[in-house]
Amino acid sequence: MSMVSDAYEYFDRRFRTLTVPIAKVERLYDSCRWAEGPVWFNDGQFLVWSDVADNRMLRWVPGLGVNVFRPDSNNANGNTRDRQGRLVTCEHLTRRVTRTEADGRITVVADRYNGKRLNSPNDVVVKSDGSVWFSDPSYGIMSDYEGERADSEQSGCHVYRVDGQTGAVTIAIDDFEKPNGLAFSPDEKILYIADSGRSHDDDGPHHIRAFDVDEQGRLGKGRVFAVIEHGVPDGFRVDTNGNVWTSSQSGVLCYSPEGDLLGRIKLPEMVSNLTFGGPKRNRLFITATSSLYAVYVSANGAQLP
């Protein structure tokens, strides 16, 4: 395990109340091809994440290190857990969202819309009503590197909602170029969605948008919440006070609920995703290109379980 020193950059005094200045950023693992989708299992006290291009999922256990969680992951990318504690995973190769049941069985949450295959589900969140929301950019079908090259069968790259009761799949929003990370505010009244279109188009979007969510799960008109100047926003999470912690090329950026840039945790690699974990959800686990990092903060993650 190595340390990253001088990791904090403060743009607003509020960021000092969200960090632990004496806490060092720790590199827990450094042998991934493209690390993504960290998810914390508090009941088991371990972290699982995806090594997308190496077609595997890994597990880190405090004091024991890293082992292989799933050797043939179908180029899994984003992960989360539902309110029953089941793992929900986006798979590029099979172009589907799956759920790992308590007995280990894998069931399909969504793999088609209007009878046509999805592009390559990328990131996923589960709302308290059981609905599953996921982004579906084309990264997994653009080449054979983290999926399988194929033509898109959909009209574009959308964000979908799977009804928690009926399993019906609907388009939640359809005006994104490359929808990516997504997360709800603590009260679930706002859904934040990243558009990482600049990853393959210099003039493409590189921002996070915010949408009001009504009681029927419909999204209102979106607004740009934050523009990421260095690189693109990928995965992100929200703390209990509504601050948004997001990936970028230059590290982890933290924004207030009003969209003010508060500070940055600097890292030597491009950050892909992050999650809060540990018994108190006050340890930030960060996937960044080839590595898994962790740092204690003075914020607590809002996601459950």
C-alpha atoms as a PDB file:
ATOM      1  CA  MET A   1       0.000   0.000   0.000  1.00  0.00           C
ATOM      2  CA  SER A   2       1.399   3.398  -1.006  1.00  0.00           C
ATOM      3  CA  MET A   3       0.434   6.936   0.019  1.00  0.00           C
ATOM      4  CA  VAL A   4      -0.357  10.076  -1.982  1.00  0.00           C
ATOM      5  CA  SER A   5       0.666  13.237  -0.109  1.00  0.00           C
ATOM      6  CA  ASP A   6      -0.429  16.870  -0.603  1.00  0.00           C
ATOM      7  CA  ALA A   7      -3.663  15.617  -2.089  1.00  0.00           C
ATOM      8  CA  TYR A   8      -6.068  18.413  -1.180  1.00  0.00           C
ATOM      9  CA  GLU A   9      -6.858  21.621  -3.046  1.00  0.00           C
ATOM     10  CA  TYR A  10      -9.323  23.999  -1.384  1.00  0.00           C
ATOM     11  CA  PHE A  11     -11.361  26.406  -3.521  1.00  0.00           C
ATOM     12  CA  ASP A  12     -13.931  27.158  -0.801  1.00  0.00           C
ATOM     13  CA  ARG A  13     -13.579  27.055   2.985  1.00  0.00           C
ATOM     14  CA  ARG A  14     -16.520  24.667   3.179  1.00  0.00           C
ATOM     15  CA  PHE A  15     -14.331  21.921   1.712  1.00  0.00           C
ATOM     16  CA  ARG A  16     -12.160  21.996   4.841  1.00  0.00           C
ATOM     17  CA  THR A  17     -15.132  20.786   6.871  1.00  0.00           C
ATOM     18  CA  LEU A  18     -15.568  17.862   4.458  1.00  0.00           C
ATOM     19  CA  THR A  19     -11.986  16.567   4.539  1.00  0.00           C
ATOM     20  CA  VAL A  20      -9.557  15.198   7.101  1.00  0.00           C
ATOM     21  CA  PRO A  21      -6.299  17.052   6.264  1.00  0.00           C
ATOM     22  CA  ILE A  22      -4.127  14.514   8.084  1.00  0.00           C
ATOM     23  CA  ALA A  23      -5.738  11.585   6.232  1.00  0.00           C
ATOM     24  CA  LYS A  24      -3.550  10.400   3.385  1.00  0.00           C
ATOM     25  CA  VAL A  25      -4.826   9.005   0.117  1.00  0.00           C
ATOM     26  CA  GLU A  26      -3.906   5.306   0.056  1.00  0.00           C
ATOM     27  CA  ARG A  27      -3.379   3.208  -3.048  1.00  0.00           C
ATOM     28  CA  LEU A  28      -4.885  -0.177  -2.210  1.00  0.00           C
ATOM     29  CA  TYR A  29      -4.306  -1.915  -5.565  1.00  0.00           C
ATOM     30  CA  ASP A  30      -2.603  -0.996  -8.833  1.00  0.00           C
ATOM     31  CA  SER A  31      -2.933  -3.826 -11.370  1.00  0.00           C
ATOM     32  CA  CYS A  32      -6.139  -3.048 -13.261  1.00  0.00           C
ATOM     33  CA  ARG A  33      -6.510  -2.345 -16.949  1.00  0.00           C
ATOM     34  CA  TRP A  34      -9.506  -0.031 -16.435  1.00  0.00           C
ATOM     35  CA  ALA A  35     -10.898   0.170 -12.897  1.00  0.00           C
ATOM     36  CA  GLU A  36     -14.565   1.125 -12.500  1.00  0.00           C
ATOM     37  CA  GLY A  37     -17.791   0.687 -10.540  1.00  0.00           C
ATOM     38  CA  PRO A  38     -16.794   0.463  -6.844  1.00  0.00           C
ATOM     39  CA  VAL A  39     -19.541  -0.704  -4.475  1.00  0.00           C
ATOM     40  CA  TRP A  40     -19.275  -1.224  -0.719  1.00  0.00           C
ATOM     41  CA  PHE A  41     -20.778  -4.220   1.128  1.00  0.00           C
ATOM     42  CA  ASN A  42     -21.192  -3.027   4.698  1.00  0.00           C
ATOM     43  CA  ASP A  43     -22.688  -6.333   5.838  1.00  0.00           C
ATOM     44  CA  GLY A  44     -19.562  -8.152   4.637  1.00  0.00           C
ATOM     45  CA  GLN A  45     -17.067  -5.326   5.201  1.00  0.00           C
ATOM     46  CA  PHE A  46     -15.552  -5.481   1.736  1.00  0.00           C
ATOM     47  CA  LEU A  47     -15.453  -3.549  -1.527  1.00  0.00           C
ATOM     48  CA  VAL A  48     -16.157  -4.905  -5.007  1.00  0.00           C
ATOM     49  CA  TRP A  49     -15.193  -3.143  -8.225  1.00  0.00           C
ATOM     50  CA  SER A  50     -14.891  -3.846 -11.948  1.00  0.00           C
ATOM     51  CA  ASP A  51     -11.742  -4.215 -14.028  1.00  0.00           C
ATOM     52  CA  VAL A  52     -13.660  -3.674 -17.243  1.00  0.00           C
ATOM     53  CA  ALA A  53     -11.102  -4.406 -19.956  1.00  0.00           C
ATOM     54  CA  ASP A  54      -9.691  -7.399 -18.061  1.00  0.00           C
ATOM     55  CA  ASN A  55     -13.196  -8.908 -17.880  1.00  0.00           C
ATOM     56  CA  ARG A  56     -13.181  -9.461 -14.127  1.00  0.00           C
ATOM     57  CA  MET A  57     -14.516  -8.074 -10.860  1.00  0.00           C
ATOM     58  CA  LEU A  58     -12.245  -7.753  -7.840  1.00  0.00           C
ATOM     59  CA  ARG A  59     -12.829  -7.670  -4.098  1.00  0.00           C
ATOM     60  CA  TRP A  60     -10.804  -5.800  -1.459  1.00  0.00           C
ATOM     61  CA  VAL A  61     -11.069  -6.936   2.162  1.00  0.00           C
ATOM     62  CA  PRO A  62      -9.466  -4.808   4.915  1.00  0.00           C
ATOM     63  CA  GLY A  63      -6.419  -6.584   6.320  1.00  0.00           C
ATOM     64  CA  LEU A  64      -6.563  -9.343   3.717  1.00  0.00           C
ATOM     65  CA  GLY A  65      -6.059  -7.523   0.415  1.00  0.00           C
ATOM     66  CA  VAL A  66      -7.484  -8.244  -3.022  1.00  0.00           C
ATOM     67  CA  ASN A  67      -8.873 -11.360  -4.667  1.00  0.00           C
ATOM     68  CA  VAL A  68     -11.020 -12.107  -7.711  1.00  0.00           C
ATOM     69  CA  PHE A  69     -14.733 -11.731  -7.017  1.00  0.00           C
ATOM     70  CA  ARG A  70     -15.989 -12.732 -10.476  1.00  0.00           C
ATOM     71  CA  PRO A  71     -13.479 -13.969 -13.101  1.00  0.00           C
ATOM     72  CA  ASP A  72     -15.764 -13.733 -16.164  1.00  0.00           C
ATOM     73  CA  SER A  73     -17.740 -10.555 -15.578  1.00  0.00           C
ATOM     74  CA  ASN A  74     -18.987  -9.907 -19.135  1.00  0.00           C
ATOM     75  CA  ASN A  75     -16.918  -6.713 -19.072  1.00  0.00           C
ATOM     76  CA  ALA A  76     -18.876  -5.433 -16.083  1.00  0.00           C
ATOM     77  CA  ASN A  77     -18.725  -1.681 -15.505  1.00  0.00           C
ATOM     78  CA  GLY A  78     -20.960   0.159 -13.009  1.00  0.00           C
ATOM     79  CA  ASN A  79     -22.275  -1.493  -9.857  1.00  0.00           C
ATOM     80  CA  THR A  80     -24.645  -0.657  -7.032  1.00  0.00           C
ATOM     81  CA  ARG A  81     -26.828  -2.453  -4.494  1.00  0.00           C
ATOM     82  CA  ASP A  82     -30.593  -2.382  -4.156  1.00  0.00           C
ATOM     83  CA  ARG A  83     -32.533  -1.949  -0.928  1.00  0.00           C
ATOM     84  CA  GLN A  84     -32.413  -5.719  -0.341  1.00  0.00           C
ATOM     85  CA  GLY A  85     -28.615  -5.636  -0.531  1.00  0.00           C
ATOM     86  CA  ARG A  86     -28.409  -7.400  -3.889  1.00  0.00           C
ATOM     87  CA  LEU A  87     -25.639  -6.484  -6.302  1.00  0.00           C
ATOM     88  CA  VAL A  88     -26.829  -4.752  -9.486  1.00  0.00           C
ATOM     89  CA  THR A  89     -24.310  -4.660 -12.345  1.00  0.00           C
ATOM     90  CA  CYS A  90     -23.989  -3.134 -15.820  1.00  0.00           C
ATOM     91  CA  GLU A  91     -22.428  -5.552 -18.317  1.00  0.00           C
ATOM     92  CA  HIS A  92     -20.903  -4.293 -21.564  1.00  0.00           C
ATOM     93  CA  LEU A  93     -20.356  -7.617 -23.317  1.00  0.00           C
ATOM     94  CA  THR A  94     -23.904  -8.909 -22.853  1.00  0.00           C
ATOM     95  CA  ARG A  95     -25.381  -5.394 -23.130  1.00  0.00           C
ATOM     96  CA  ARG A  96     -27.537  -5.852 -20.073  1.00  0.00           C
ATOM     97  CA  VAL A  97     -28.161  -4.928 -16.434  1.00  0.00           C
ATOM     98  CA  THR A  98     -28.145  -7.877 -14.039  1.00  0.00           C
ATOM     99  CA  ARG A  99     -28.894  -8.571 -10.405  1.00  0.00           C
ATOM    100  CA  THR A 100     -27.051 -11.104  -8.262  1.00  0.00           C
ATOM    101  CA  GLU A 101     -29.591 -12.800  -6.005  1.00  0.00           C
ATOM    102  CA  ALA A 102     -28.919 -13.809  -2.407  1.00  0.00           C
ATOM    103  CA  ASP A 103     -28.274 -17.403  -3.501  1.00  0.00           C
ATOM    104  CA  GLY A 104     -25.778 -16.316  -6.178  1.00  0.00           C
ATOM    105  CA  ARG A 105     -28.087 -16.657  -9.170  1.00  0.00           C
ATOM    106  CA  ILE A 106     -27.798 -13.905 -11.762  1.00  0.00           C
ATOM    107  CA  THR A 107     -31.057 -12.557 -13.168  1.00  0.00           C
ATOM    108  CA  VAL A 108     -31.547 -10.053 -15.971  1.00  0.00           C
ATOM    109  CA  VAL A 109     -33.028  -6.677 -15.005  1.00  0.00           C
ATOM    110  CA  ALA A 110     -32.935  -5.242 -18.529  1.00  0.00           C
ATOM    111  CA  ASP A 111     -31.299  -6.150 -21.834  1.00  0.00           C
ATOM    112  CA  ARG A 112     -33.680  -4.686 -24.410  1.00  0.00           C
ATOM    113  CA  TYR A 113     -35.887  -1.723 -25.102  1.00  0.00           C
ATOM    114  CA  ASN A 114     -38.750  -2.061 -27.601  1.00  0.00           C
ATOM    115  CA  GLY A 115     -37.427  -5.489 -28.521  1.00  0.00           C
ATOM    116  CA  LYS A 116     -33.985  -4.188 -29.521  1.00  0.00           C
ATOM    117  CA  ARG A 117     -30.713  -4.762 -27.672  1.00  0.00           C
ATOM    118  CA  LEU A 118     -29.322  -2.027 -25.476  1.00  0.00           C
ATOM    119  CA  ASN A 119     -25.991  -0.378 -26.352  1.00  0.00           C
ATOM    120  CA  SER A 120     -23.786  -1.131 -23.324  1.00  0.00           C
ATOM    121  CA  PRO A 121     -25.213  -0.221 -19.898  1.00  0.00           C
ATOM    122  CA  ASN A 122     -22.621   1.802 -18.024  1.00  0.00           C
ATOM    123  CA  ASP A 123     -23.755   2.951 -14.577  1.00  0.00           C
ATOM    124  CA  VAL A 124     -26.762   2.259 -12.384  1.00  0.00           C
ATOM    125  CA  VAL A 125     -28.632   3.430  -9.288  1.00  0.00           C
ATOM    126  CA  VAL A 126     -31.655   2.032  -7.458  1.00  0.00           C
ATOM    127  CA  LYS A 127     -34.321   4.318  -6.001  1.00  0.00           C
ATOM    128  CA  SER A 128     -36.098   3.528  -2.729  1.00  0.00           C
ATOM    129  CA  ASP A 129     -39.256   2.524  -4.652  1.00  0.00           C
ATOM    130  CA  GLY A 130     -37.267  -0.302  -6.252  1.00  0.00           C
ATOM    131  CA  SER A 131     -36.946   1.328  -9.664  1.00  0.00           C
ATOM    132  CA  VAL A 132     -33.604   0.789 -11.405  1.00  0.00           C
ATOM    133  CA  TRP A 133     -32.111   3.694 -13.375  1.00  0.00           C
ATOM    134  CA  PHE A 134     -29.179   3.150 -15.737  1.00  0.00           C
ATOM    135  CA  SER A 135     -27.223   4.935 -18.444  1.00  0.00           C
ATOM    136  CA  ASP A 136     -26.638   3.324 -21.829  1.00  0.00           C
ATOM    137  CA  PRO A 137     -23.838   4.977 -23.836  1.00  0.00           C
ATOM    138  CA  SER A 138     -22.091   3.203 -26.698  1.00  0.00           C
ATOM    139  CA  TYR A 139     -18.641   2.680 -25.139  1.00  0.00           C
ATOM    140  CA  GLY A 140     -18.951  -1.111 -24.969  1.00  0.00           C
ATOM    141  CA  ILE A 141     -19.877  -1.504 -28.643  1.00  0.00           C
ATOM    142  CA  MET A 142     -17.401   1.024 -30.070  1.00  0.00           C
ATOM    143  CA  SER A 143     -14.525  -1.488 -29.978  1.00  0.00           C
ATOM    144  CA  ASP A 144     -13.556  -4.909 -28.652  1.00  0.00           C
ATOM    145  CA  TYR A 145     -11.529  -3.415 -25.785  1.00  0.00           C
ATOM    146  CA  GLU A 146     -14.227  -3.374 -23.089  1.00  0.00           C
ATOM    147  CA  GLY A 147     -17.023  -5.203 -24.851  1.00  0.00           C
ATOM    148  CA  GLU A 148     -17.672  -6.255 -28.428  1.00  0.00           C
ATOM    149  CA  ARG A 149     -17.812  -4.018 -31.491  1.00  0.00           C
ATOM    150  CA  ALA A 150     -21.351  -3.816 -32.859  1.00  0.00           C
ATOM    151  CA  ASP A 151     -23.845  -1.454 -34.420  1.00  0.00           C
ATOM    152  CA  SER A 152     -26.302   0.260 -32.121  1.00  0.00           C
ATOM    153  CA  GLU A 153     -29.864  -1.002 -32.319  1.00  0.00           C
ATOM    154  CA  GLN A 154     -31.259   1.967 -30.388  1.00  0.00           C
ATOM    155  CA  SER A 155     -32.024   5.465 -31.662  1.00  0.00           C
ATOM    156  CA  GLY A 156     -29.334   6.952 -29.444  1.00  0.00           C
ATOM    157  CA  CYS A 157     -27.698   6.809 -26.028  1.00  0.00           C
ATOM    158  CA  HIS A 158     -30.330   7.179 -23.337  1.00  0.00           C
ATOM    159  CA  VAL A 159     -31.013   6.852 -19.626  1.00  0.00           C
ATOM    160  CA  TYR A 160     -33.584   4.184 -18.780  1.00  0.00           C
ATOM    161  CA  ARG A 161     -35.880   3.457 -15.855  1.00  0.00           C
ATOM    162  CA  VAL A 162     -36.971  -0.054 -14.916  1.00  0.00           C
ATOM    163  CA  ASP A 163     -40.185  -0.064 -12.877  1.00  0.00           C
ATOM    164  CA  GLY A 164     -39.646  -1.708  -9.498  1.00  0.00           C
ATOM    165  CA  GLN A 165     -43.015  -3.489  -9.581  1.00  0.00           C
ATOM    166  CA  THR A 166     -43.652  -4.416 -13.203  1.00  0.00           C
ATOM    167  CA  GLY A 167     -40.129  -4.518 -14.621  1.00  0.00           C
ATOM    168  CA  ALA A 168     -41.233  -2.331 -17.541  1.00  0.00           C
ATOM    169  CA  VAL A 169     -38.345  -0.490 -19.222  1.00  0.00           C
ATOM    170  CA  THR A 170     -38.907   3.114 -20.282  1.00  0.00           C
ATOM    171  CA  ILE A 171     -36.669   5.941 -21.475  1.00  0.00           C
ATOM    172  CA  ALA A 172     -36.211   8.471 -18.683  1.00  0.00           C
ATOM    173  CA  ILE A 173     -34.315  11.014 -20.793  1.00  0.00           C
ATOM    174  CA  ASP A 174     -33.124  10.874 -24.397  1.00  0.00           C
ATOM    175  CA  ASP A 175     -31.131  14.042 -25.130  1.00  0.00           C
ATOM    176  CA  PHE A 176     -27.666  12.929 -23.980  1.00  0.00           C
ATOM    177  CA  GLU A 177     -24.642  12.273 -26.167  1.00  0.00           C
ATOM    178  CA  LYS A 178     -22.885   9.855 -23.794  1.00  0.00           C
ATOM    179  CA  PRO A 179     -24.892   9.465 -20.557  1.00  0.00           C
ATOM    180  CA  ASN A 180     -22.644   8.116 -17.850  1.00  0.00           C
ATOM    181  CA  GLY A 181     -22.657   8.305 -14.033  1.00  0.00           C
ATOM    182  CA  LEU A 182     -25.873   9.009 -12.161  1.00  0.00           C
ATOM    183  CA  ALA A 183     -26.946   9.506  -8.551  1.00  0.00           C
ATOM    184  CA  PHE A 184     -29.936  10.754  -6.588  1.00  0.00           C
ATOM    185  CA  SER A 185     -29.882  13.566  -4.060  1.00  0.00           C
ATOM    186  CA  PRO A 186     -30.432  12.363  -0.467  1.00  0.00           C
ATOM    187  CA  ASP A 187     -34.178  13.083  -0.653  1.00  0.00           C
ATOM    188  CA  GLU A 188     -34.377  11.539  -4.150  1.00  0.00           C
ATOM    189  CA  LYS A 189     -36.012  14.699  -5.529  1.00  0.00           C
ATOM    190  CA  ILE A 190     -33.086  15.363  -7.887  1.00  0.00           C
ATOM    191  CA  LEU A 191     -31.363  12.959 -10.270  1.00  0.00           C
ATOM    192  CA  TYR A 192     -27.864  13.962 -11.378  1.00  0.00           C
ATOM    193  CA  ILE A 193     -26.608  12.528 -14.690  1.00  0.00           C
ATOM    194  CA  ALA A 194     -23.176  12.953 -16.277  1.00  0.00           C
ATOM    195  CA  ASP A 195     -22.666  13.450 -19.998  1.00  0.00           C
ATOM    196  CA  SER A 196     -19.146  12.426 -21.026  1.00  0.00           C
ATOM    197  CA  GLY A 197     -19.519  13.102 -24.738  1.00  0.00           C
ATOM    198  CA  ARG A 198     -16.169  14.905 -24.886  1.00  0.00           C
ATOM    199  CA  SER A 199     -14.419  11.543 -24.376  1.00  0.00           C
ATOM    200  CA  HIS A 200     -14.661  10.920 -28.130  1.00  0.00           C
ATOM    201  CA  ASP A 201     -15.530  14.392 -29.437  1.00  0.00           C
ATOM    202  CA  ASP A 202     -13.504  17.458 -28.467  1.00  0.00           C
ATOM    203  CA  ASP A 203     -16.637  19.572 -28.845  1.00  0.00           C
ATOM    204  CA  GLY A 204     -18.835  17.126 -26.916  1.00  0.00           C
ATOM    205  CA  PRO A 205     -20.476  17.768 -23.547  1.00  0.00           C
ATOM    206  CA  HIS A 206     -18.494  17.398 -20.305  1.00  0.00           C
ATOM    207  CA  HIS A 207     -20.952  18.288 -17.608  1.00  0.00           C
ATOM    208  CA  ILE A 208     -23.354  16.967 -14.979  1.00  0.00           C
ATOM    209  CA  ARG A 209     -27.025  17.826 -15.381  1.00  0.00           C
ATOM    210  CA  ALA A 210     -29.670  17.896 -12.647  1.00  0.00           C
ATOM    211  CA  PHE A 211     -33.298  16.854 -13.097  1.00  0.00           C
ATOM    212  CA  ASP A 212     -36.221  17.251 -10.717  1.00  0.00           C
ATOM    213  CA  VAL A 213     -37.971  13.923 -10.116  1.00  0.00           C
ATOM    214  CA  ASP A 214     -41.734  13.805  -9.520  1.00  0.00           C
ATOM    215  CA  GLU A 215     -43.638  11.208  -7.489  1.00  0.00           C
ATOM    216  CA  GLN A 216     -44.336   9.126 -10.607  1.00  0.00           C
ATOM    217  CA  GLY A 217     -40.630   8.913 -11.430  1.00  0.00           C
ATOM    218  CA  ARG A 218     -40.766  11.382 -14.301  1.00  0.00           C
ATOM    219  CA  LEU A 219     -37.938  13.835 -14.901  1.00  0.00           C
ATOM    220  CA  GLY A 220     -38.440  17.558 -15.307  1.00  0.00           C
ATOM    221  CA  LYS A 221     -36.448  19.831 -17.561  1.00  0.00           C
ATOM    222  CA  GLY A 222     -32.724  19.383 -16.979  1.00  0.00           C
ATOM    223  CA  ARG A 223     -30.246  22.070 -16.006  1.00  0.00           C
ATOM    224  CA  VAL A 224     -26.460  22.054 -16.110  1.00  0.00           C
ATOM    225  CA  PHE A 225     -25.266  21.518 -12.556  1.00  0.00           C
ATOM    226  CA  ALA A 226     -21.492  21.520 -13.096  1.00  0.00           C
ATOM    227  CA  VAL A 227     -19.077  21.692 -16.029  1.00  0.00           C
ATOM    228  CA  ILE A 228     -15.931  19.586 -15.685  1.00  0.00           C
ATOM    229  CA  GLU A 229     -13.035  21.518 -17.209  1.00  0.00           C
ATOM    230  CA  HIS A 230     -10.405  18.754 -17.111  1.00  0.00           C
ATOM    231  CA  GLY A 231     -11.539  15.582 -18.800  1.00  0.00           C
ATOM    232  CA  VAL A 232     -15.117  14.434 -18.377  1.00  0.00           C
ATOM    233  CA  PRO A 233     -17.392  13.506 -15.489  1.00  0.00           C
ATOM    234  CA  ASP A 234     -17.762   9.746 -15.214  1.00  0.00           C
ATOM    235  CA  GLY A 235     -19.041   8.214 -11.961  1.00  0.00           C
ATOM    236  CA  PHE A 236     -19.977  10.195  -8.849  1.00  0.00           C
ATOM    237  CA  ARG A 237     -21.730   9.976  -5.488  1.00  0.00           C
ATOM    238  CA  VAL A 238     -23.627  12.295  -3.157  1.00  0.00           C
ATOM    239  CA  ASP A 239     -23.080  12.736   0.578  1.00  0.00           C
ATOM    240  CA  THR A 240     -25.770  13.151   3.242  1.00  0.00           C
ATOM    241  CA  ASN A 241     -25.612  16.954   2.946  1.00  0.00           C
ATOM    242  CA  GLY A 242     -26.181  16.863  -0.806  1.00  0.00           C
ATOM    243  CA  ASN A 243     -22.620  17.592  -1.895  1.00  0.00           C
ATOM    244  CA  VAL A 244     -21.661  15.905  -5.172  1.00  0.00           C
ATOM    245  CA  TRP A 245     -18.273  14.132  -5.323  1.00  0.00           C
ATOM    246  CA  THR A 246     -17.364  13.429  -8.924  1.00  0.00           C
ATOM    247  CA  SER A 247     -14.614  11.892 -10.998  1.00  0.00           C
ATOM    248  CA  SER A 248     -12.521  13.956 -13.411  1.00  0.00           C
ATOM    249  CA  GLN A 249      -9.196  13.760 -15.193  1.00  0.00           C
ATOM    250  CA  SER A 250      -7.538  15.761 -12.410  1.00  0.00           C
ATOM    251  CA  GLY A 251      -8.929  13.891  -9.400  1.00  0.00           C
ATOM    252  CA  VAL A 252     -12.115  13.916  -7.326  1.00  0.00           C
ATOM    253  CA  LEU A 253     -14.024  17.206  -7.436  1.00  0.00           C
ATOM    254  CA  CYS A 254     -16.544  18.186  -4.763  1.00  0.00           C
ATOM    255  CA  TYR A 255     -19.505  20.468  -5.533  1.00  0.00           C
ATOM    256  CA  SER A 256     -22.017  21.983  -3.136  1.00  0.00           C
ATOM    257  CA  PRO A 257     -25.743  21.300  -3.700  1.00  0.00           C
ATOM    258  CA  GLU A 258     -25.855  24.733  -5.367  1.00  0.00           C
ATOM    259  CA  GLY A 259     -23.165  23.740  -7.869  1.00  0.00           C
ATOM    260  CA  ASP A 260     -20.233  25.614  -6.299  1.00  0.00           C
ATOM    261  CA  LEU A 261     -16.852  23.918  -6.773  1.00  0.00           C
ATOM    262  CA  LEU A 262     -15.559  23.427  -3.227  1.00  0.00           C
ATOM    263  CA  GLY A 263     -12.333  21.506  -3.658  1.00  0.00           C
ATOM    264  CA  ARG A 264     -10.362  18.710  -5.214  1.00  0.00           C
ATOM    265  CA  ILE A 265      -8.639  15.529  -4.093  1.00  0.00           C
ATOM    266  CA  LYS A 266      -5.663  15.234  -6.445  1.00  0.00           C
ATOM    267  CA  LEU A 267      -4.666  11.836  -7.814  1.00  0.00           C
ATOM    268  CA  PRO A 268      -1.900  10.750 -10.209  1.00  0.00           C
ATOM    269  CA  GLU A 269      -4.358   8.938 -12.509  1.00  0.00           C
ATOM    270  CA  MET A 270      -7.612   9.822 -14.247  1.00  0.00           C
ATOM    271  CA  VAL A 271     -10.517   9.020 -11.932  1.00  0.00           C
ATOM    272  CA  SER A 272     -13.347   6.888 -13.291  1.00  0.00           C
ATOM    273  CA  ASN A 273     -15.677   6.406 -10.343  1.00  0.00           C
ATOM    274  CA  LEU A 274     -16.011   6.441  -6.561  1.00  0.00           C
ATOM    275  CA  THR A 275     -18.195   5.404  -3.657  1.00  0.00           C
ATOM    276  CA  PHE A 276     -18.490   5.952   0.076  1.00  0.00           C
ATOM    277  CA  GLY A 277     -17.780   2.950   2.275  1.00  0.00           C
ATOM    278  CA  GLY A 278     -16.568   1.716   5.619  1.00  0.00           C
ATOM    279  CA  PRO A 279     -18.797   1.147   8.668  1.00  0.00           C
ATOM    280  CA  LYS A 280     -19.659   4.864   8.852  1.00  0.00           C
ATOM    281  CA  ARG A 281     -19.657   5.511   5.082  1.00  0.00           C
ATOM    282  CA  ASN A 282     -16.913   8.101   5.649  1.00  0.00           C
ATOM    283  CA  ARG A 283     -14.204   6.460   3.579  1.00  0.00           C
ATOM    284  CA  LEU A 284     -14.078   7.424  -0.075  1.00  0.00           C
ATOM    285  CA  PHE A 285     -13.077   4.551  -2.374  1.00  0.00           C
ATOM    286  CA  ILE A 286     -11.855   5.753  -5.755  1.00  0.00           C
ATOM    287  CA  THR A 287     -11.221   3.839  -8.969  1.00  0.00           C
ATOM    288  CA  ALA A 288      -8.677   5.601 -11.187  1.00  0.00           C
ATOM    289  CA  THR A 289      -7.445   4.006 -14.418  1.00  0.00           C
ATOM    290  CA  SER A 290      -5.267   1.132 -13.098  1.00  0.00           C
ATOM    291  CA  SER A 291      -5.725   1.601  -9.351  1.00  0.00           C
ATOM    292  CA  LEU A 292      -8.031   1.527  -6.358  1.00  0.00           C
ATOM    293  CA  TYR A 293      -7.520   4.353  -3.843  1.00  0.00           C
ATOM    294  CA  ALA A 294      -9.117   5.202  -0.510  1.00  0.00           C
ATOM    295  CA  VAL A 295      -9.186   8.230   1.778  1.00  0.00           C
ATOM    296  CA  TYR A 296     -11.095   9.095   4.935  1.00  0.00           C
ATOM    297  CA  VAL A 297     -13.236  12.240   4.727  1.00  0.00           C
ATOM    298  CA  SER A 298     -15.514  14.189   7.072  1.00  0.00           C
ATOM    299  CA  ALA A 299     -18.577  13.488   4.950  1.00  0.00           C
ATOM    300  CA  ASN A 300     -20.833  10.453   4.960  1.00  0.00           C
ATOM    301  CA  GLY A 301     -22.198   8.825   1.849  1.00  0.00           C
ATOM    302  CA  ALA A 302     -25.938   9.089   1.251  1.00  0.00           C
ATOM    303  CA  GLN A 303     -26.404   5.871  -0.685  1.00  0.00           C
ATOM    304  CA  LEU A 304     -27.880   2.771   0.894  1.00  0.00           C
ATOM    305  CA  PRO A 305     -27.467   0.046   1.931  1.00  0.00           C
END
